[in-house]
N, C-alpha and C. Protein backbone atom coordinates (compact mmCIF):
# COMPACT_ATOMS: atom_id res chain seq x y z
N MET A 1 14.68 -16.47 18.36
CA MET A 1 14.06 -17.02 17.26
C MET A 1 14.14 -16.54 15.72
N PHE A 2 14.34 -15.31 15.81
CA PHE A 2 14.55 -14.57 14.65
C PHE A 2 15.63 -13.90 14.18
N GLU A 3 16.57 -13.97 15.08
CA GLU A 3 17.98 -13.17 15.15
C GLU A 3 18.69 -14.15 13.75
N SER A 4 18.35 -14.99 13.46
CA SER A 4 19.11 -15.55 12.11
C SER A 4 18.64 -15.22 10.82
N LEU A 5 17.29 -14.20 10.91
CA LEU A 5 16.58 -13.79 9.56
C LEU A 5 17.53 -12.87 8.91
N GLN A 6 17.50 -13.12 7.90
CA GLN A 6 17.99 -12.13 6.81
C GLN A 6 17.02 -11.41 6.05
N PRO A 7 17.24 -9.99 5.55
CA PRO A 7 16.18 -9.46 4.94
C PRO A 7 15.97 -9.76 3.41
N ALA A 8 15.11 -9.72 2.84
CA ALA A 8 14.92 -10.39 1.62
C ALA A 8 15.45 -8.95 0.54
N PRO A 9 16.24 -9.31 -0.40
CA PRO A 9 16.80 -8.33 -1.38
C PRO A 9 15.66 -7.42 -1.86
N PRO A 10 16.35 -6.10 -2.16
CA PRO A 10 15.25 -5.00 -2.52
C PRO A 10 14.71 -5.63 -3.65
N ASP A 11 13.54 -5.02 -3.83
CA ASP A 11 12.72 -5.06 -5.31
C ASP A 11 13.18 -4.29 -6.12
N PRO A 12 13.76 -4.30 -7.34
CA PRO A 12 14.11 -3.33 -8.08
C PRO A 12 12.84 -2.44 -8.53
N ILE A 13 11.85 -2.94 -9.08
CA ILE A 13 10.60 -2.03 -9.43
C ILE A 13 10.22 -1.20 -8.20
N LEU A 14 10.31 -1.91 -7.09
CA LEU A 14 9.60 -1.09 -6.01
C LEU A 14 10.33 0.19 -5.44
N GLY A 15 12.17 -0.05 -6.15
CA GLY A 15 12.97 0.75 -5.47
C GLY A 15 12.70 2.01 -6.60
N LEU A 16 11.83 1.88 -7.56
CA LEU A 16 11.94 3.15 -8.37
C LEU A 16 10.92 3.82 -7.67
N THR A 17 10.12 3.41 -6.61
CA THR A 17 9.10 4.38 -6.00
C THR A 17 9.84 5.24 -4.82
N GLU A 18 10.90 4.57 -4.42
CA GLU A 18 11.52 5.20 -3.40
C GLU A 18 12.70 6.05 -3.98
N ALA A 19 13.24 5.99 -5.11
CA ALA A 19 14.26 6.58 -6.07
C ALA A 19 13.06 8.13 -6.53
N PHE A 20 11.95 7.71 -6.48
CA PHE A 20 11.00 8.93 -7.14
C PHE A 20 10.88 9.95 -6.02
N ALA A 21 10.52 9.10 -4.54
CA ALA A 21 10.41 9.99 -3.48
C ALA A 21 11.54 10.96 -3.21
N LYS A 22 12.62 10.47 -3.34
CA LYS A 22 14.03 11.21 -3.18
C LYS A 22 14.38 12.37 -4.15
N ASP A 23 13.74 12.38 -5.53
CA ASP A 23 14.26 13.00 -6.46
C ASP A 23 13.56 14.57 -6.25
N ALA A 24 14.25 15.57 -6.18
CA ALA A 24 13.73 16.91 -5.96
C ALA A 24 13.31 17.57 -7.27
N ASN A 25 13.48 16.95 -8.40
CA ASN A 25 12.85 17.73 -9.45
C ASN A 25 11.16 17.72 -9.20
N PRO A 26 10.73 19.12 -9.40
CA PRO A 26 9.51 19.47 -9.50
C PRO A 26 8.53 19.08 -10.65
N LYS A 27 9.23 18.41 -11.42
CA LYS A 27 8.62 18.44 -13.04
C LYS A 27 8.90 16.52 -12.97
N LYS A 28 8.85 16.06 -12.02
CA LYS A 28 9.09 14.60 -11.98
C LYS A 28 7.75 13.90 -12.17
N ILE A 29 7.51 12.43 -12.76
CA ILE A 29 6.26 12.11 -12.77
C ILE A 29 6.71 10.56 -12.63
N ASN A 30 5.76 9.93 -11.81
CA ASN A 30 6.09 8.81 -11.37
C ASN A 30 5.27 7.68 -12.28
N LEU A 31 6.34 6.96 -12.91
CA LEU A 31 5.78 5.92 -13.77
C LEU A 31 5.98 4.50 -13.35
N GLY A 32 6.36 4.24 -12.39
CA GLY A 32 6.21 3.22 -11.57
C GLY A 32 5.19 2.69 -10.83
N VAL A 33 5.43 1.87 -9.81
CA VAL A 33 4.30 1.15 -9.22
C VAL A 33 3.57 2.12 -8.43
N GLY A 34 2.13 1.45 -8.29
CA GLY A 34 1.51 2.34 -7.45
C GLY A 34 0.23 2.76 -8.35
N VAL A 35 -0.40 3.65 -7.74
CA VAL A 35 -1.96 3.94 -8.48
C VAL A 35 -1.85 5.30 -8.72
N PHE A 36 -2.86 5.74 -9.75
CA PHE A 36 -2.85 6.96 -10.36
C PHE A 36 -3.03 8.08 -9.00
N LYS A 37 -2.16 9.19 -9.15
CA LYS A 37 -2.41 10.51 -8.18
C LYS A 37 -2.61 11.60 -9.11
N ASP A 38 -3.44 12.39 -8.77
CA ASP A 38 -3.83 13.86 -9.36
C ASP A 38 -2.71 14.94 -9.29
N ALA A 39 -2.93 16.11 -9.80
CA ALA A 39 -1.69 16.82 -9.69
C ALA A 39 -1.31 17.29 -8.66
N THR A 40 -2.40 16.90 -7.15
CA THR A 40 -2.10 17.74 -5.95
C THR A 40 -1.51 16.61 -5.21
N GLY A 41 -1.21 15.28 -5.83
CA GLY A 41 -0.59 14.10 -5.20
C GLY A 41 -1.65 13.24 -4.47
N ARG A 42 -2.84 13.69 -4.79
CA ARG A 42 -3.81 12.58 -4.08
C ARG A 42 -4.19 11.49 -5.12
N THR A 43 -4.82 10.23 -4.49
CA THR A 43 -5.43 9.22 -5.20
C THR A 43 -6.93 9.53 -5.07
N PRO A 44 -7.33 9.90 -6.44
CA PRO A 44 -9.07 10.46 -6.40
C PRO A 44 -9.80 8.84 -6.43
N THR A 45 -11.07 9.09 -5.96
CA THR A 45 -11.90 7.48 -6.10
C THR A 45 -12.73 8.22 -7.34
N LEU A 46 -12.78 7.19 -8.00
CA LEU A 46 -13.64 7.00 -8.91
C LEU A 46 -14.95 7.49 -8.92
N ALA A 47 -15.66 8.12 -9.83
CA ALA A 47 -17.19 8.10 -9.55
C ALA A 47 -17.80 6.76 -9.39
N SER A 48 -17.61 5.59 -10.23
CA SER A 48 -17.83 4.32 -10.46
C SER A 48 -17.99 3.72 -9.09
N VAL A 49 -16.81 4.00 -8.22
CA VAL A 49 -16.81 3.43 -7.12
C VAL A 49 -17.25 3.90 -5.93
N ARG A 50 -17.51 5.38 -5.82
CA ARG A 50 -18.25 6.02 -5.30
C ARG A 50 -19.76 5.60 -5.51
N GLU A 51 -20.25 5.58 -6.47
CA GLU A 51 -21.69 5.06 -6.79
C GLU A 51 -22.08 3.53 -6.32
N ALA A 52 -20.94 2.69 -5.97
CA ALA A 52 -20.71 1.42 -5.53
C ALA A 52 -21.05 1.48 -4.28
N GLN A 53 -19.91 2.31 -3.63
CA GLN A 53 -20.24 2.72 -2.01
C GLN A 53 -21.70 3.05 -1.84
N LYS A 54 -22.22 4.01 -2.76
CA LYS A 54 -23.57 4.38 -2.19
C LYS A 54 -24.78 3.25 -1.91
N ARG A 55 -24.34 2.47 -3.34
CA ARG A 55 -25.48 1.62 -3.48
C ARG A 55 -25.45 0.25 -2.27
N PHE A 56 -24.25 0.23 -1.88
CA PHE A 56 -24.06 -0.83 -1.07
C PHE A 56 -24.41 -0.49 0.46
N VAL A 57 -24.01 0.73 0.93
CA VAL A 57 -24.90 1.36 1.93
C VAL A 57 -26.56 1.40 2.07
N ALA A 58 -26.83 1.54 0.90
CA ALA A 58 -28.10 1.68 0.47
C ALA A 58 -28.85 0.53 0.78
N ALA A 59 -28.24 -0.73 0.39
CA ALA A 59 -28.98 -2.10 0.43
C ALA A 59 -28.86 -2.61 1.88
N ASP A 60 -28.18 -1.86 2.47
CA ASP A 60 -28.26 -2.47 4.07
C ASP A 60 -28.18 -3.79 4.29
N ALA A 61 -27.57 -4.27 3.30
CA ALA A 61 -27.25 -5.89 3.60
C ALA A 61 -26.36 -6.24 4.87
N PRO A 62 -26.58 -7.73 4.76
CA PRO A 62 -25.97 -7.84 6.56
C PRO A 62 -24.58 -8.37 6.06
N MET A 63 -23.72 -7.46 6.92
CA MET A 63 -22.31 -7.86 6.80
C MET A 63 -21.85 -9.27 7.29
N THR A 64 -21.79 -10.01 6.44
CA THR A 64 -21.55 -11.35 6.94
C THR A 64 -20.07 -12.03 6.13
N TYR A 65 -19.75 -13.22 6.52
CA TYR A 65 -18.47 -13.80 5.59
C TYR A 65 -19.24 -14.40 4.54
N LEU A 66 -18.19 -14.16 3.55
CA LEU A 66 -18.69 -14.50 2.09
C LEU A 66 -18.17 -16.14 2.22
N PRO A 67 -18.56 -16.71 1.07
CA PRO A 67 -18.13 -18.37 1.22
C PRO A 67 -16.43 -18.46 0.60
N ILE A 68 -15.85 -19.43 0.88
CA ILE A 68 -14.50 -19.45 1.05
C ILE A 68 -13.84 -18.98 -0.67
N LEU A 69 -14.72 -19.19 -1.82
CA LEU A 69 -14.51 -18.75 -3.11
C LEU A 69 -14.70 -17.26 -3.09
N GLY A 70 -15.35 -16.84 -2.26
CA GLY A 70 -15.92 -15.54 -2.44
C GLY A 70 -17.27 -15.20 -3.09
N SER A 71 -17.58 -14.29 -3.58
CA SER A 71 -19.03 -13.89 -4.12
C SER A 71 -19.27 -14.55 -5.40
N PRO A 72 -20.29 -15.51 -5.56
CA PRO A 72 -20.41 -16.30 -6.75
C PRO A 72 -20.86 -15.33 -7.73
N ASN A 73 -21.63 -14.36 -7.42
CA ASN A 73 -22.13 -13.35 -8.51
C ASN A 73 -20.50 -12.55 -8.99
N PHE A 74 -20.05 -12.14 -8.14
CA PHE A 74 -18.74 -11.47 -8.57
C PHE A 74 -18.01 -12.48 -9.25
N GLY A 75 -17.77 -13.60 -9.01
CA GLY A 75 -16.82 -14.46 -9.60
C GLY A 75 -17.47 -14.76 -10.97
N ALA A 76 -18.80 -14.92 -11.05
CA ALA A 76 -19.54 -15.18 -12.56
C ALA A 76 -19.44 -13.93 -13.39
N ALA A 77 -19.50 -12.71 -12.80
CA ALA A 77 -19.16 -11.32 -13.70
C ALA A 77 -17.76 -11.33 -14.18
N VAL A 78 -16.83 -11.52 -13.33
CA VAL A 78 -15.40 -11.72 -13.68
C VAL A 78 -15.23 -12.49 -14.99
N GLN A 79 -15.89 -13.82 -14.65
CA GLN A 79 -15.51 -14.68 -15.76
C GLN A 79 -16.47 -14.03 -17.29
N ARG A 80 -17.43 -13.65 -17.04
CA ARG A 80 -17.79 -12.97 -18.41
C ARG A 80 -17.21 -11.85 -19.02
N LEU A 81 -16.45 -11.18 -17.89
CA LEU A 81 -15.81 -10.00 -18.47
C LEU A 81 -14.60 -10.35 -19.23
N VAL A 82 -13.58 -11.54 -18.53
CA VAL A 82 -12.46 -12.17 -19.03
C VAL A 82 -12.65 -12.73 -20.18
N PHE A 83 -13.54 -14.02 -20.34
CA PHE A 83 -13.92 -14.77 -21.29
C PHE A 83 -14.98 -14.49 -22.19
N GLY A 84 -16.00 -13.21 -22.12
CA GLY A 84 -16.97 -12.97 -22.96
C GLY A 84 -18.04 -13.74 -22.71
N GLU A 85 -19.09 -12.93 -22.65
CA GLU A 85 -20.54 -13.44 -22.44
C GLU A 85 -20.64 -14.92 -23.11
N GLY A 86 -21.38 -15.81 -23.08
CA GLY A 86 -21.72 -16.98 -23.78
C GLY A 86 -20.35 -17.85 -24.29
N SER A 87 -19.30 -17.51 -23.35
CA SER A 87 -17.80 -18.31 -23.79
C SER A 87 -18.11 -19.65 -23.50
N SER A 88 -17.29 -20.60 -24.29
CA SER A 88 -17.28 -22.22 -24.02
C SER A 88 -16.73 -22.28 -22.68
N VAL A 89 -15.80 -21.61 -22.37
CA VAL A 89 -15.03 -21.81 -21.24
C VAL A 89 -15.91 -21.74 -19.92
N ILE A 90 -16.86 -20.77 -19.91
CA ILE A 90 -17.87 -20.71 -19.10
C ILE A 90 -18.74 -21.96 -19.06
N SER A 91 -19.42 -22.11 -20.30
CA SER A 91 -20.66 -22.87 -20.22
C SER A 91 -19.97 -24.28 -19.98
N ASP A 92 -18.74 -24.51 -20.22
CA ASP A 92 -18.36 -26.01 -20.06
C ASP A 92 -17.52 -26.39 -18.70
N ARG A 93 -17.67 -25.00 -17.79
CA ARG A 93 -17.25 -25.01 -16.47
C ARG A 93 -15.68 -25.56 -16.17
N ARG A 94 -15.12 -24.78 -17.12
CA ARG A 94 -13.48 -24.74 -17.54
C ARG A 94 -12.91 -23.77 -16.65
N ALA A 95 -13.45 -22.57 -16.34
CA ALA A 95 -13.31 -21.30 -15.50
C ALA A 95 -13.70 -21.58 -14.10
N ARG A 96 -12.60 -20.95 -13.20
CA ARG A 96 -12.98 -21.07 -11.68
C ARG A 96 -12.44 -19.57 -11.33
N THR A 97 -13.02 -19.11 -10.12
CA THR A 97 -12.62 -17.95 -9.88
C THR A 97 -12.86 -17.87 -8.32
N ALA A 98 -11.76 -17.50 -7.84
CA ALA A 98 -11.58 -17.56 -6.19
C ALA A 98 -11.44 -15.90 -5.93
N HIS A 99 -11.73 -15.55 -4.73
CA HIS A 99 -11.29 -14.10 -4.43
C HIS A 99 -10.04 -14.14 -3.46
N ALA A 100 -9.21 -13.35 -3.68
CA ALA A 100 -7.64 -13.60 -3.07
C ALA A 100 -7.27 -12.23 -2.16
N PRO A 101 -6.33 -12.31 -1.40
CA PRO A 101 -5.68 -10.95 -0.71
C PRO A 101 -4.95 -10.00 -1.53
N GLY A 102 -5.34 -9.65 -2.94
CA GLY A 102 -4.17 -8.96 -3.73
C GLY A 102 -3.65 -9.96 -4.46
N GLY A 103 -2.86 -9.11 -5.55
CA GLY A 103 -2.18 -10.11 -6.48
C GLY A 103 -0.90 -11.02 -5.55
N THR A 104 -0.44 -10.81 -5.12
CA THR A 104 0.44 -11.62 -4.16
C THR A 104 -0.08 -12.89 -3.67
N GLY A 105 -1.15 -12.48 -2.69
CA GLY A 105 -1.97 -13.66 -2.10
C GLY A 105 -2.88 -14.41 -3.17
N ALA A 106 -2.95 -14.11 -4.22
CA ALA A 106 -3.43 -14.81 -5.40
C ALA A 106 -2.50 -15.72 -5.67
N LEU A 107 -1.30 -15.12 -6.01
CA LEU A 107 -0.35 -16.03 -6.70
C LEU A 107 0.08 -17.43 -5.61
N ARG A 108 0.09 -16.80 -4.23
CA ARG A 108 0.36 -17.82 -3.04
C ARG A 108 -0.97 -18.96 -3.16
N VAL A 109 -1.98 -18.60 -3.35
CA VAL A 109 -3.10 -19.46 -3.35
C VAL A 109 -2.80 -20.39 -4.35
N ALA A 110 -2.71 -19.71 -5.66
CA ALA A 110 -2.44 -20.54 -6.66
C ALA A 110 -1.12 -21.39 -6.87
N ALA A 111 0.14 -20.88 -6.22
CA ALA A 111 1.09 -22.02 -6.10
C ALA A 111 0.97 -23.13 -5.00
N ASP A 112 0.00 -22.69 -4.00
CA ASP A 112 0.01 -23.97 -2.95
C ASP A 112 -1.35 -24.82 -3.77
N PHE A 113 -2.07 -24.54 -4.78
CA PHE A 113 -2.97 -25.41 -5.06
C PHE A 113 -2.08 -26.24 -6.08
N LEU A 114 -1.34 -25.73 -7.12
CA LEU A 114 -0.56 -26.27 -8.04
C LEU A 114 0.24 -27.12 -7.43
N ALA A 115 0.72 -27.01 -6.06
CA ALA A 115 1.96 -27.82 -5.57
C ALA A 115 1.28 -28.97 -4.82
N GLN A 116 0.19 -28.70 -4.50
CA GLN A 116 -0.89 -29.61 -3.39
C GLN A 116 -1.81 -30.79 -4.50
N VAL A 117 -2.28 -30.12 -5.73
CA VAL A 117 -3.37 -30.84 -6.37
C VAL A 117 -2.74 -31.36 -7.79
N CYS A 118 -2.05 -30.55 -8.45
CA CYS A 118 -1.25 -31.01 -9.54
C CYS A 118 -0.34 -31.37 -10.07
N GLY A 119 0.64 -32.00 -9.10
CA GLY A 119 1.64 -32.75 -9.01
C GLY A 119 2.94 -31.94 -9.02
N LYS A 120 2.87 -30.75 -8.56
CA LYS A 120 4.10 -29.86 -8.83
C LYS A 120 4.39 -29.41 -10.35
N PRO A 121 3.81 -28.82 -10.92
CA PRO A 121 4.19 -28.49 -12.30
C PRO A 121 5.22 -27.33 -12.23
N LYS A 122 6.20 -27.60 -13.32
CA LYS A 122 6.88 -26.32 -13.17
C LYS A 122 6.17 -25.09 -13.60
N VAL A 123 6.45 -23.77 -13.05
CA VAL A 123 5.50 -22.48 -13.48
C VAL A 123 6.53 -21.52 -14.14
N TRP A 124 5.85 -21.28 -15.58
CA TRP A 124 6.71 -20.20 -16.26
C TRP A 124 6.15 -19.27 -16.33
N MET A 125 7.16 -17.92 -16.16
CA MET A 125 6.72 -16.74 -15.79
C MET A 125 7.43 -15.62 -16.81
N SER A 126 6.89 -14.58 -17.07
CA SER A 126 7.60 -13.83 -18.04
C SER A 126 8.60 -13.15 -17.81
N ASN A 127 9.51 -12.89 -18.74
CA ASN A 127 10.98 -12.18 -18.45
C ASN A 127 10.83 -10.75 -18.84
N PRO A 128 10.44 -9.70 -18.29
CA PRO A 128 10.61 -9.56 -16.70
C PRO A 128 9.57 -9.87 -16.17
N THR A 129 9.46 -9.99 -14.97
CA THR A 129 8.03 -10.23 -13.96
C THR A 129 8.51 -9.10 -13.06
N TRP A 130 7.79 -9.31 -11.72
CA TRP A 130 7.73 -8.92 -10.40
C TRP A 130 8.98 -9.82 -9.79
N ALA A 131 9.49 -9.15 -9.10
CA ALA A 131 10.78 -9.90 -8.32
C ALA A 131 10.07 -10.85 -7.22
N ASN A 132 9.10 -10.61 -6.69
CA ASN A 132 8.46 -11.61 -5.85
C ASN A 132 7.68 -12.81 -6.37
N HIS A 133 7.55 -12.76 -7.68
CA HIS A 133 6.65 -13.99 -8.43
C HIS A 133 7.70 -15.38 -8.03
N GLY A 134 8.67 -15.39 -8.31
CA GLY A 134 9.45 -16.54 -8.46
C GLY A 134 9.51 -16.94 -6.84
N ALA A 135 9.92 -16.07 -6.04
CA ALA A 135 9.94 -16.39 -4.53
C ALA A 135 8.76 -16.89 -3.92
N VAL A 136 7.44 -16.48 -4.58
CA VAL A 136 6.31 -17.14 -4.16
C VAL A 136 5.94 -18.76 -4.37
N PHE A 137 6.41 -18.75 -5.91
CA PHE A 137 6.54 -20.00 -6.12
C PHE A 137 7.48 -21.24 -5.55
N THR A 138 8.50 -20.78 -5.64
CA THR A 138 9.56 -21.35 -5.04
C THR A 138 9.41 -21.81 -3.55
N ALA A 139 8.65 -21.04 -3.06
CA ALA A 139 8.37 -21.09 -1.44
C ALA A 139 7.16 -22.50 -1.05
N ALA A 140 6.46 -22.45 -2.31
CA ALA A 140 5.29 -23.58 -2.47
C ALA A 140 6.20 -24.76 -2.90
N GLY A 141 7.24 -24.76 -3.19
CA GLY A 141 8.10 -26.05 -3.52
C GLY A 141 8.00 -26.30 -5.12
N LEU A 142 7.76 -25.14 -5.89
CA LEU A 142 7.64 -25.44 -7.28
C LEU A 142 9.14 -24.88 -8.14
N ALA A 143 9.28 -25.51 -9.01
CA ALA A 143 10.46 -24.86 -10.15
C ALA A 143 9.88 -23.87 -10.57
N THR A 144 10.81 -22.90 -11.21
CA THR A 144 10.23 -21.73 -12.28
C THR A 144 10.90 -21.96 -13.59
N GLY A 145 10.40 -21.43 -14.56
CA GLY A 145 11.41 -21.07 -15.84
C GLY A 145 10.70 -19.57 -16.15
N SER A 146 11.31 -19.21 -17.24
CA SER A 146 10.69 -17.91 -17.95
C SER A 146 10.74 -18.18 -19.43
N TYR A 147 9.75 -17.09 -19.90
CA TYR A 147 9.65 -16.78 -21.30
C TYR A 147 9.85 -15.60 -21.75
N PRO A 148 10.30 -14.97 -22.97
CA PRO A 148 10.37 -13.92 -23.09
C PRO A 148 8.91 -13.01 -23.28
N TYR A 149 9.12 -11.77 -22.79
CA TYR A 149 7.94 -10.82 -22.86
C TYR A 149 8.02 -9.74 -23.44
N TYR A 150 9.17 -8.94 -22.91
CA TYR A 150 9.26 -7.44 -23.64
C TYR A 150 10.49 -7.33 -24.12
N ASP A 151 10.66 -6.68 -25.52
CA ASP A 151 11.61 -6.48 -26.42
C ASP A 151 12.06 -4.93 -25.64
N ALA A 152 12.89 -4.85 -24.95
CA ALA A 152 13.38 -3.75 -24.30
C ALA A 152 13.66 -2.53 -25.40
N LYS A 153 14.46 -2.98 -26.54
CA LYS A 153 15.03 -2.24 -27.45
C LYS A 153 13.97 -1.36 -28.32
N ALA A 154 13.06 -2.25 -28.57
CA ALA A 154 11.70 -1.86 -29.29
C ALA A 154 10.62 -1.16 -28.37
N GLN A 155 10.77 -1.29 -27.12
CA GLN A 155 9.64 -1.05 -26.03
C GLN A 155 8.33 -1.42 -26.37
N ARG A 156 8.09 -2.82 -26.56
CA ARG A 156 6.85 -3.32 -26.68
C ARG A 156 7.12 -4.70 -26.51
N LEU A 157 5.65 -5.28 -26.40
CA LEU A 157 5.76 -6.80 -26.18
C LEU A 157 6.49 -7.32 -27.32
N ASP A 158 7.04 -8.42 -26.99
CA ASP A 158 7.97 -9.31 -27.75
C ASP A 158 6.95 -10.40 -28.37
N PHE A 159 5.84 -10.29 -28.92
CA PHE A 159 4.65 -11.29 -29.03
C PHE A 159 5.14 -12.59 -29.86
N ASP A 160 6.28 -12.51 -31.13
CA ASP A 160 6.58 -13.66 -31.59
C ASP A 160 7.53 -14.48 -30.51
N ALA A 161 8.39 -13.97 -29.84
CA ALA A 161 9.48 -14.35 -29.10
C ALA A 161 8.45 -15.40 -28.00
N MET A 162 7.48 -14.56 -27.50
CA MET A 162 6.81 -15.18 -26.51
C MET A 162 6.11 -16.35 -27.09
N VAL A 163 5.17 -16.13 -27.77
CA VAL A 163 4.34 -17.32 -28.56
C VAL A 163 5.56 -18.52 -28.74
N SER A 164 6.18 -18.36 -29.38
CA SER A 164 7.60 -19.51 -29.88
C SER A 164 7.76 -20.00 -28.45
N ALA A 165 8.16 -19.26 -27.40
CA ALA A 165 8.75 -19.79 -26.12
C ALA A 165 7.42 -20.86 -25.83
N LEU A 166 6.44 -20.16 -25.45
CA LEU A 166 5.28 -20.69 -24.83
C LEU A 166 4.38 -22.01 -25.53
N SER A 167 4.94 -22.20 -26.85
CA SER A 167 4.53 -23.39 -27.67
C SER A 167 5.44 -24.30 -27.07
N GLN A 168 6.65 -24.19 -26.45
CA GLN A 168 7.54 -25.16 -26.41
C GLN A 168 7.28 -25.78 -24.58
N VAL A 169 6.31 -25.03 -24.05
CA VAL A 169 6.19 -25.58 -22.57
C VAL A 169 5.38 -26.80 -22.72
N PRO A 170 6.13 -27.58 -21.95
CA PRO A 170 5.42 -28.97 -21.85
C PRO A 170 4.04 -28.97 -21.14
N ARG A 171 3.42 -30.24 -21.57
CA ARG A 171 2.15 -29.93 -21.34
C ARG A 171 2.18 -30.25 -20.19
N GLY A 172 1.31 -29.88 -18.85
CA GLY A 172 1.06 -30.06 -17.77
C GLY A 172 1.83 -29.11 -16.87
N ASP A 173 2.74 -28.39 -17.52
CA ASP A 173 3.08 -27.07 -16.65
C ASP A 173 2.44 -25.83 -16.51
N ALA A 174 2.56 -25.16 -15.90
CA ALA A 174 1.63 -23.69 -15.65
C ALA A 174 2.43 -22.64 -16.07
N VAL A 175 1.65 -22.00 -16.54
CA VAL A 175 1.85 -20.69 -17.40
C VAL A 175 1.41 -19.42 -16.62
N LEU A 176 1.92 -18.49 -15.99
CA LEU A 176 1.64 -17.33 -15.57
C LEU A 176 1.62 -16.23 -16.66
N LEU A 177 0.29 -15.61 -16.67
CA LEU A 177 -0.09 -14.56 -17.61
C LEU A 177 -0.41 -13.61 -16.90
N GLN A 178 0.40 -12.08 -17.22
CA GLN A 178 -0.17 -11.05 -16.73
C GLN A 178 -0.74 -10.27 -17.44
N ILE A 179 -2.11 -9.68 -17.12
CA ILE A 179 -2.68 -8.72 -18.12
C ILE A 179 -2.58 -7.31 -17.50
N GLY A 180 -2.62 -6.45 -18.37
CA GLY A 180 -3.09 -4.75 -17.94
C GLY A 180 -2.00 -4.19 -17.38
N ARG A 181 -0.54 -4.87 -16.85
CA ARG A 181 0.19 -4.18 -16.61
C ARG A 181 1.52 -4.52 -17.33
N ALA A 182 2.32 -3.20 -17.65
CA ALA A 182 3.48 -3.10 -18.42
C ALA A 182 4.62 -3.13 -17.60
N HIS A 183 5.51 -3.91 -17.94
CA HIS A 183 6.85 -4.08 -17.57
C HIS A 183 7.78 -3.40 -18.10
N VAL A 184 8.82 -2.60 -17.69
CA VAL A 184 9.60 -1.76 -18.17
C VAL A 184 10.88 -1.95 -17.46
């Protein structure tokens, strides 16, 4: 049944981690994908996470399933963080929040939603973006396009080119915006 499957092409960004692992230079620094590691190679647990764990255990709350969209209180807190306290986006109920199993899982949930509910709009993604992004949207039956994002020569966000391109996206299409992650 599976003998005809071909491996997906290697992800060039994840390949950086493999190259890092193979590099014998003791002064190397991993600036690729992953999480922060201290000088000993360990990923430390933030004090805020330890405190949250203590509070969770101390509350002795039942371990039950969350609603389909996740914790309503957490979703409301995320909306306030993203849009600001008192934002009209929240008060006008234009924002929706749902938990998902990681970034790729969230993209797949969004892709399926767009395909099933929104008439299969074209999805515009930054260039560069992660290699799996286009594949996730294509697998859901959606067409994709790209907009400029990064000026490699200046090593900075190409804000003017990005805004100019996004202003040309047809009404009804979807735009994937990534916040908090630099692409190089």
